[in-house]
């Protein structure tokens, strides 16, 4: 059986617990750390003057070329690790050079479209 289609969620929505565990998500942020031996990475983003972080298990996408400080999109399933969210990534892609404000605008437009489609 194929995994569920991933919905776009901002990293701050995931890190604050607004997205339920078990969800398939797409998110983006800046790669701040990567441990090859543990197959763990950390993505960060700043929103409303708060630094938000998300730990990512990279065991299914090894090896990948980690460029610290670069922006990445990650797609995978959200799991609980202790009391913190952990994204088990199926895909990680570097998006350096992408217009992040345009990406956020696209996410908002997609959300509006899905909302109108559900209500009709």
C-alpha atoms as a PDB file:
ATOM      1  CA  UNK A   1       0.000   0.000   0.000  1.00  0.00           C
ATOM      2  CA  UNK A   2       1.257   3.486  -0.827  1.00  0.00           C
ATOM      3  CA  UNK A   3       1.809   6.037   1.941  1.00  0.00           C
ATOM      4  CA  UNK A   4      -0.645   8.884   2.305  1.00  0.00           C
ATOM      5  CA  UNK A   5      -0.151  12.067   0.313  1.00  0.00           C
ATOM      6  CA  UNK A   6       1.833  14.605   2.277  1.00  0.00           C
ATOM      7  CA  UNK A   7       0.304  17.910   3.286  1.00  0.00           C
ATOM      8  CA  UNK A   8       2.528  20.974   3.602  1.00  0.00           C
ATOM      9  CA  UNK A   9       3.017  22.071   7.204  1.00  0.00           C
ATOM     10  CA  UNK A  10       5.310  24.790   8.394  1.00  0.00           C
ATOM     11  CA  UNK A  11       8.093  23.709  10.703  1.00  0.00           C
ATOM     12  CA  UNK A  12       6.693  25.872  13.513  1.00  0.00           C
ATOM     13  CA  UNK A  13       3.335  24.116  13.252  1.00  0.00           C
ATOM     14  CA  UNK A  14       5.048  20.754  13.678  1.00  0.00           C
ATOM     15  CA  UNK A  15       7.361  21.802  16.512  1.00  0.00           C
ATOM     16  CA  UNK A  16       4.509  23.340  18.529  1.00  0.00           C
ATOM     17  CA  UNK A  17       2.387  20.185  18.349  1.00  0.00           C
ATOM     18  CA  UNK A  18      -0.288  21.424  15.943  1.00  0.00           C
ATOM     19  CA  UNK A  19       0.264  18.450  13.616  1.00  0.00           C
ATOM     20  CA  UNK A  20      -0.725  15.002  14.975  1.00  0.00           C
ATOM     21  CA  UNK A  21       1.796  12.185  15.150  1.00  0.00           C
ATOM     22  CA  UNK A  22       1.430   9.660  12.354  1.00  0.00           C
ATOM     23  CA  UNK A  23       0.736  12.354   9.760  1.00  0.00           C
ATOM     24  CA  UNK A  24       2.576  12.394   6.456  1.00  0.00           C
ATOM     25  CA  UNK A  25       4.010  15.890   6.057  1.00  0.00           C
ATOM     26  CA  UNK A  26       6.140  18.109   3.861  1.00  0.00           C
ATOM     27  CA  UNK A  27       8.061  20.919   5.504  1.00  0.00           C
ATOM     28  CA  UNK A  28      11.044  23.128   4.884  1.00  0.00           C
ATOM     29  CA  UNK A  29      13.758  24.769   6.925  1.00  0.00           C
ATOM     30  CA  UNK A  30      17.467  25.420   7.274  1.00  0.00           C
ATOM     31  CA  UNK A  31      19.722  22.421   7.962  1.00  0.00           C
ATOM     32  CA  UNK A  32      21.527  23.210  11.209  1.00  0.00           C
ATOM     33  CA  UNK A  33      23.071  19.857  12.148  1.00  0.00           C
ATOM     34  CA  UNK A  34      23.610  16.384  10.754  1.00  0.00           C
ATOM     35  CA  UNK A  35      25.007  13.263  12.439  1.00  0.00           C
ATOM     36  CA  UNK A  36      25.810  10.574   9.879  1.00  0.00           C
ATOM     37  CA  UNK A  37      26.469   7.884  12.512  1.00  0.00           C
ATOM     38  CA  UNK A  38      23.090   8.407  14.187  1.00  0.00           C
ATOM     39  CA  UNK A  39      21.276   9.195  10.891  1.00  0.00           C
ATOM     40  CA  UNK A  40      19.805  12.316  12.474  1.00  0.00           C
ATOM     41  CA  UNK A  41      19.547  15.865  11.199  1.00  0.00           C
ATOM     42  CA  UNK A  42      18.043  19.029  12.608  1.00  0.00           C
ATOM     43  CA  UNK A  43      16.193  21.683  10.646  1.00  0.00           C
ATOM     44  CA  UNK A  44      15.447  25.102  12.060  1.00  0.00           C
ATOM     45  CA  UNK A  45      13.377  28.105  11.118  1.00  0.00           C
ATOM     46  CA  UNK A  46      12.478  31.372  12.767  1.00  0.00           C
ATOM     47  CA  UNK A  47       8.872  32.433  13.121  1.00  0.00           C
ATOM     48  CA  UNK A  48       7.422  35.209  15.289  1.00  0.00           C
ATOM     49  CA  UNK A  49      10.855  35.881  16.863  1.00  0.00           C
ATOM     50  CA  UNK A  50      11.117  32.256  18.060  1.00  0.00           C
ATOM     51  CA  UNK A  51      13.597  29.680  16.772  1.00  0.00           C
ATOM     52  CA  UNK A  52      11.785  26.401  15.983  1.00  0.00           C
ATOM     53  CA  UNK A  53      13.608  23.096  15.485  1.00  0.00           C
ATOM     54  CA  UNK A  54      12.652  19.706  14.107  1.00  0.00           C
ATOM     55  CA  UNK A  55      14.682  16.527  14.376  1.00  0.00           C
ATOM     56  CA  UNK A  56      14.756  14.385  11.250  1.00  0.00           C
ATOM     57  CA  UNK A  57      15.647  10.713  10.969  1.00  0.00           C
ATOM     58  CA  UNK A  58      17.614  10.295   7.735  1.00  0.00           C
ATOM     59  CA  UNK A  59      18.024   6.515   7.811  1.00  0.00           C
ATOM     60  CA  UNK A  60      15.826   6.050   4.704  1.00  0.00           C
ATOM     61  CA  UNK A  61      17.618   8.708   2.626  1.00  0.00           C
ATOM     62  CA  UNK A  62      21.248   7.878   3.381  1.00  0.00           C
ATOM     63  CA  UNK A  63      23.611   8.976   2.093  1.00  0.00           C
ATOM     64  CA  UNK A  64      22.733  12.547   1.276  1.00  0.00           C
ATOM     65  CA  UNK A  65      24.995  15.538   0.833  1.00  0.00           C
ATOM     66  CA  UNK A  66      24.339  17.748   3.836  1.00  0.00           C
ATOM     67  CA  UNK A  67      25.123  21.429   3.364  1.00  0.00           C
ATOM     68  CA  UNK A  68      24.804  23.222   6.688  1.00  0.00           C
ATOM     69  CA  UNK A  69      22.911  26.479   6.463  1.00  0.00           C
ATOM     70  CA  UNK A  70      21.141  25.452   3.258  1.00  0.00           C
ATOM     71  CA  UNK A  71      17.378  25.221   2.972  1.00  0.00           C
ATOM     72  CA  UNK A  72      15.799  21.795   2.500  1.00  0.00           C
ATOM     73  CA  UNK A  73      12.342  20.358   1.899  1.00  0.00           C
ATOM     74  CA  UNK A  74      11.688  17.136   3.799  1.00  0.00           C
ATOM     75  CA  UNK A  75       8.842  14.700   3.215  1.00  0.00           C
ATOM     76  CA  UNK A  76       8.022  11.884   5.616  1.00  0.00           C
ATOM     77  CA  UNK A  77       6.000  10.579   8.525  1.00  0.00           C
ATOM     78  CA  UNK A  78       5.793  12.390  11.832  1.00  0.00           C
ATOM     79  CA  UNK A  79       6.554  10.214  14.857  1.00  0.00           C
ATOM     80  CA  UNK A  80       6.903  10.838  18.565  1.00  0.00           C
ATOM     81  CA  UNK A  81      10.366  10.489  20.094  1.00  0.00           C
ATOM     82  CA  UNK A  82       9.931  10.981  23.796  1.00  0.00           C
ATOM     83  CA  UNK A  83       7.801  14.099  23.925  1.00  0.00           C
ATOM     84  CA  UNK A  84       9.315  15.660  20.802  1.00  0.00           C
ATOM     85  CA  UNK A  85       8.262  15.290  17.165  1.00  0.00           C
ATOM     86  CA  UNK A  86      10.580  13.341  14.862  1.00  0.00           C
ATOM     87  CA  UNK A  87      10.209  13.347  11.088  1.00  0.00           C
ATOM     88  CA  UNK A  88      11.176  10.028   9.480  1.00  0.00           C
ATOM     89  CA  UNK A  89      12.179  11.394   6.100  1.00  0.00           C
ATOM     90  CA  UNK A  90      11.517   9.589   2.823  1.00  0.00           C
ATOM     91  CA  UNK A  91      12.767  12.507   0.717  1.00  0.00           C
ATOM     92  CA  UNK A  92      15.127  15.382   1.503  1.00  0.00           C
ATOM     93  CA  UNK A  93      15.873  17.925  -1.209  1.00  0.00           C
ATOM     94  CA  UNK A  94      18.064  21.019  -1.108  1.00  0.00           C
ATOM     95  CA  UNK A  95      16.131  24.083  -2.258  1.00  0.00           C
ATOM     96  CA  UNK A  96      18.876  26.713  -2.156  1.00  0.00           C
ATOM     97  CA  UNK A  97      18.009  29.525  -4.509  1.00  0.00           C
ATOM     98  CA  UNK A  98      14.265  29.026  -4.136  1.00  0.00           C
ATOM     99  CA  UNK A  99      12.184  32.063  -3.246  1.00  0.00           C
ATOM    100  CA  UNK A 100      10.939  31.054   0.222  1.00  0.00           C
ATOM    101  CA  UNK A 101       8.350  33.828   0.442  1.00  0.00           C
ATOM    102  CA  UNK A 102       6.899  32.613  -2.862  1.00  0.00           C
ATOM    103  CA  UNK A 103       6.913  29.040  -1.497  1.00  0.00           C
ATOM    104  CA  UNK A 104       4.988  30.192   1.585  1.00  0.00           C
ATOM    105  CA  UNK A 105       2.540  32.046  -0.638  1.00  0.00           C
ATOM    106  CA  UNK A 106       2.032  28.865  -2.671  1.00  0.00           C
ATOM    107  CA  UNK A 107       1.388  26.851   0.495  1.00  0.00           C
ATOM    108  CA  UNK A 108      -1.231  29.380   1.606  1.00  0.00           C
ATOM    109  CA  UNK A 109      -2.933  29.312  -1.814  1.00  0.00           C
ATOM    110  CA  UNK A 110      -2.983  25.504  -1.761  1.00  0.00           C
ATOM    111  CA  UNK A 111      -4.542  25.524   1.709  1.00  0.00           C
ATOM    112  CA  UNK A 112      -7.237  27.958   0.576  1.00  0.00           C
ATOM    113  CA  UNK A 113      -7.990  25.789  -2.443  1.00  0.00           C
ATOM    114  CA  UNK A 114      -8.275  22.599  -0.380  1.00  0.00           C
ATOM    115  CA  UNK A 115     -10.490  24.401   2.146  1.00  0.00           C
ATOM    116  CA  UNK A 116     -12.901  25.601  -0.556  1.00  0.00           C
ATOM    117  CA  UNK A 117     -12.921  22.156  -2.150  1.00  0.00           C
ATOM    118  CA  UNK A 118     -13.868  20.521   1.169  1.00  0.00           C
ATOM    119  CA  UNK A 119     -16.695  22.980   1.882  1.00  0.00           C
ATOM    120  CA  UNK A 120     -18.402  22.612  -1.510  1.00  0.00           C
END
